[in-house]
């Protein structure tokens, strides 16, 4: 089970805001939940903590931006 969530938003007007996403986190979640305004910064924060596992989920837009931030060609 996750102990930390980082909520973020890709660069598209159709994406949900981090405020909206935070309202969807189950009330029983006892971990840390952070709101970071963009995907690049969210990846940098996660990597800066030395996390061994980072699970990236969301739309193709979110995953594509994350791949670019990680130096992986999404195309």
C-alpha atoms as a PDB file:
ATOM      1  CA  UNK A   1       0.000   0.000   0.000  1.00  0.00           C
ATOM      2  CA  UNK A   2       1.184   3.515  -0.745  1.00  0.00           C
ATOM      3  CA  UNK A   3       2.467   5.625   2.117  1.00  0.00           C
ATOM      4  CA  UNK A   4       2.721   8.829   0.099  1.00  0.00           C
ATOM      5  CA  UNK A   5       0.678  10.327  -2.729  1.00  0.00           C
ATOM      6  CA  UNK A   6       1.799  13.175  -4.940  1.00  0.00           C
ATOM      7  CA  UNK A   7      -1.128  14.725  -6.762  1.00  0.00           C
ATOM      8  CA  UNK A   8      -0.253  16.718  -9.863  1.00  0.00           C
ATOM      9  CA  UNK A   9      -1.719  18.061 -13.095  1.00  0.00           C
ATOM     10  CA  UNK A  10      -0.438  17.731 -16.664  1.00  0.00           C
ATOM     11  CA  UNK A  11      -0.288  20.712 -19.005  1.00  0.00           C
ATOM     12  CA  UNK A  12      -3.765  20.386 -20.467  1.00  0.00           C
ATOM     13  CA  UNK A  13      -6.882  22.387 -19.696  1.00  0.00           C
ATOM     14  CA  UNK A  14      -8.992  19.238 -19.528  1.00  0.00           C
ATOM     15  CA  UNK A  15      -7.070  17.728 -16.599  1.00  0.00           C
ATOM     16  CA  UNK A  16      -8.513  17.686 -13.103  1.00  0.00           C
ATOM     17  CA  UNK A  17      -7.000  20.136 -10.640  1.00  0.00           C
ATOM     18  CA  UNK A  18      -4.933  18.888  -7.722  1.00  0.00           C
ATOM     19  CA  UNK A  19      -7.586  20.330  -5.411  1.00  0.00           C
ATOM     20  CA  UNK A  20     -10.249  18.183  -7.076  1.00  0.00           C
ATOM     21  CA  UNK A  21      -8.019  15.094  -6.935  1.00  0.00           C
ATOM     22  CA  UNK A  22      -7.326  15.631  -3.239  1.00  0.00           C
ATOM     23  CA  UNK A  23     -11.064  15.376  -2.624  1.00  0.00           C
ATOM     24  CA  UNK A  24     -10.997  11.875  -4.135  1.00  0.00           C
ATOM     25  CA  UNK A  25      -8.383  10.497  -1.737  1.00  0.00           C
ATOM     26  CA  UNK A  26     -10.163   7.993   0.523  1.00  0.00           C
ATOM     27  CA  UNK A  27     -10.821   9.234   4.052  1.00  0.00           C
ATOM     28  CA  UNK A  28      -9.045   6.154   5.411  1.00  0.00           C
ATOM     29  CA  UNK A  29      -5.729   6.992   3.708  1.00  0.00           C
ATOM     30  CA  UNK A  30      -3.266   7.549   6.539  1.00  0.00           C
ATOM     31  CA  UNK A  31      -0.188   8.412   4.478  1.00  0.00           C
ATOM     32  CA  UNK A  32       1.147  11.741   3.296  1.00  0.00           C
ATOM     33  CA  UNK A  33      -0.701  13.474   0.460  1.00  0.00           C
ATOM     34  CA  UNK A  34       1.060  16.319  -1.338  1.00  0.00           C
ATOM     35  CA  UNK A  35      -0.244  18.666  -4.025  1.00  0.00           C
ATOM     36  CA  UNK A  36       2.396  19.638  -6.587  1.00  0.00           C
ATOM     37  CA  UNK A  37       1.242  21.882  -9.451  1.00  0.00           C
ATOM     38  CA  UNK A  38       3.030  20.242 -12.385  1.00  0.00           C
ATOM     39  CA  UNK A  39       4.332  16.845 -13.436  1.00  0.00           C
ATOM     40  CA  UNK A  40       7.990  17.896 -13.881  1.00  0.00           C
ATOM     41  CA  UNK A  41       8.148  19.220 -10.338  1.00  0.00           C
ATOM     42  CA  UNK A  42       6.321  16.166  -8.963  1.00  0.00           C
ATOM     43  CA  UNK A  43       8.870  13.837 -10.581  1.00  0.00           C
ATOM     44  CA  UNK A  44      11.760  15.940  -9.263  1.00  0.00           C
ATOM     45  CA  UNK A  45      10.324  15.848  -5.736  1.00  0.00           C
ATOM     46  CA  UNK A  46       9.818  12.062  -5.831  1.00  0.00           C
ATOM     47  CA  UNK A  47      13.307  11.418  -7.225  1.00  0.00           C
ATOM     48  CA  UNK A  48      14.858  13.871  -4.772  1.00  0.00           C
ATOM     49  CA  UNK A  49      13.605  11.768  -1.884  1.00  0.00           C
ATOM     50  CA  UNK A  50      15.444   8.723  -3.160  1.00  0.00           C
ATOM     51  CA  UNK A  51      12.257   6.697  -3.480  1.00  0.00           C
ATOM     52  CA  UNK A  52      12.928   3.153  -4.675  1.00  0.00           C
ATOM     53  CA  UNK A  53       9.537   2.765  -6.334  1.00  0.00           C
ATOM     54  CA  UNK A  54       7.540   5.480  -8.066  1.00  0.00           C
ATOM     55  CA  UNK A  55       4.166   4.519  -9.533  1.00  0.00           C
ATOM     56  CA  UNK A  56       2.892   7.017 -12.096  1.00  0.00           C
ATOM     57  CA  UNK A  57      -0.770   6.823 -13.038  1.00  0.00           C
ATOM     58  CA  UNK A  58      -3.201   9.032 -14.866  1.00  0.00           C
ATOM     59  CA  UNK A  59      -3.931  10.067 -18.399  1.00  0.00           C
ATOM     60  CA  UNK A  60      -1.655   9.623 -21.387  1.00  0.00           C
ATOM     61  CA  UNK A  61      -0.801  13.311 -20.925  1.00  0.00           C
ATOM     62  CA  UNK A  62       0.396  12.740 -17.358  1.00  0.00           C
ATOM     63  CA  UNK A  63       2.383   9.625 -18.195  1.00  0.00           C
ATOM     64  CA  UNK A  64       3.921  11.243 -21.295  1.00  0.00           C
ATOM     65  CA  UNK A  65       5.070  14.291 -19.303  1.00  0.00           C
ATOM     66  CA  UNK A  66       6.481  11.991 -16.620  1.00  0.00           C
ATOM     67  CA  UNK A  67       8.384   9.952 -19.205  1.00  0.00           C
ATOM     68  CA  UNK A  68       9.894  13.125 -20.659  1.00  0.00           C
ATOM     69  CA  UNK A  69      10.873  14.308 -17.163  1.00  0.00           C
ATOM     70  CA  UNK A  70      12.570  10.938 -16.634  1.00  0.00           C
ATOM     71  CA  UNK A  71      14.436  11.166 -19.948  1.00  0.00           C
ATOM     72  CA  UNK A  72      12.370   8.466 -21.675  1.00  0.00           C
ATOM     73  CA  UNK A  73      11.056   9.112 -25.188  1.00  0.00           C
ATOM     74  CA  UNK A  74       7.274   8.565 -25.029  1.00  0.00           C
ATOM     75  CA  UNK A  75       7.011   8.301 -28.803  1.00  0.00           C
END
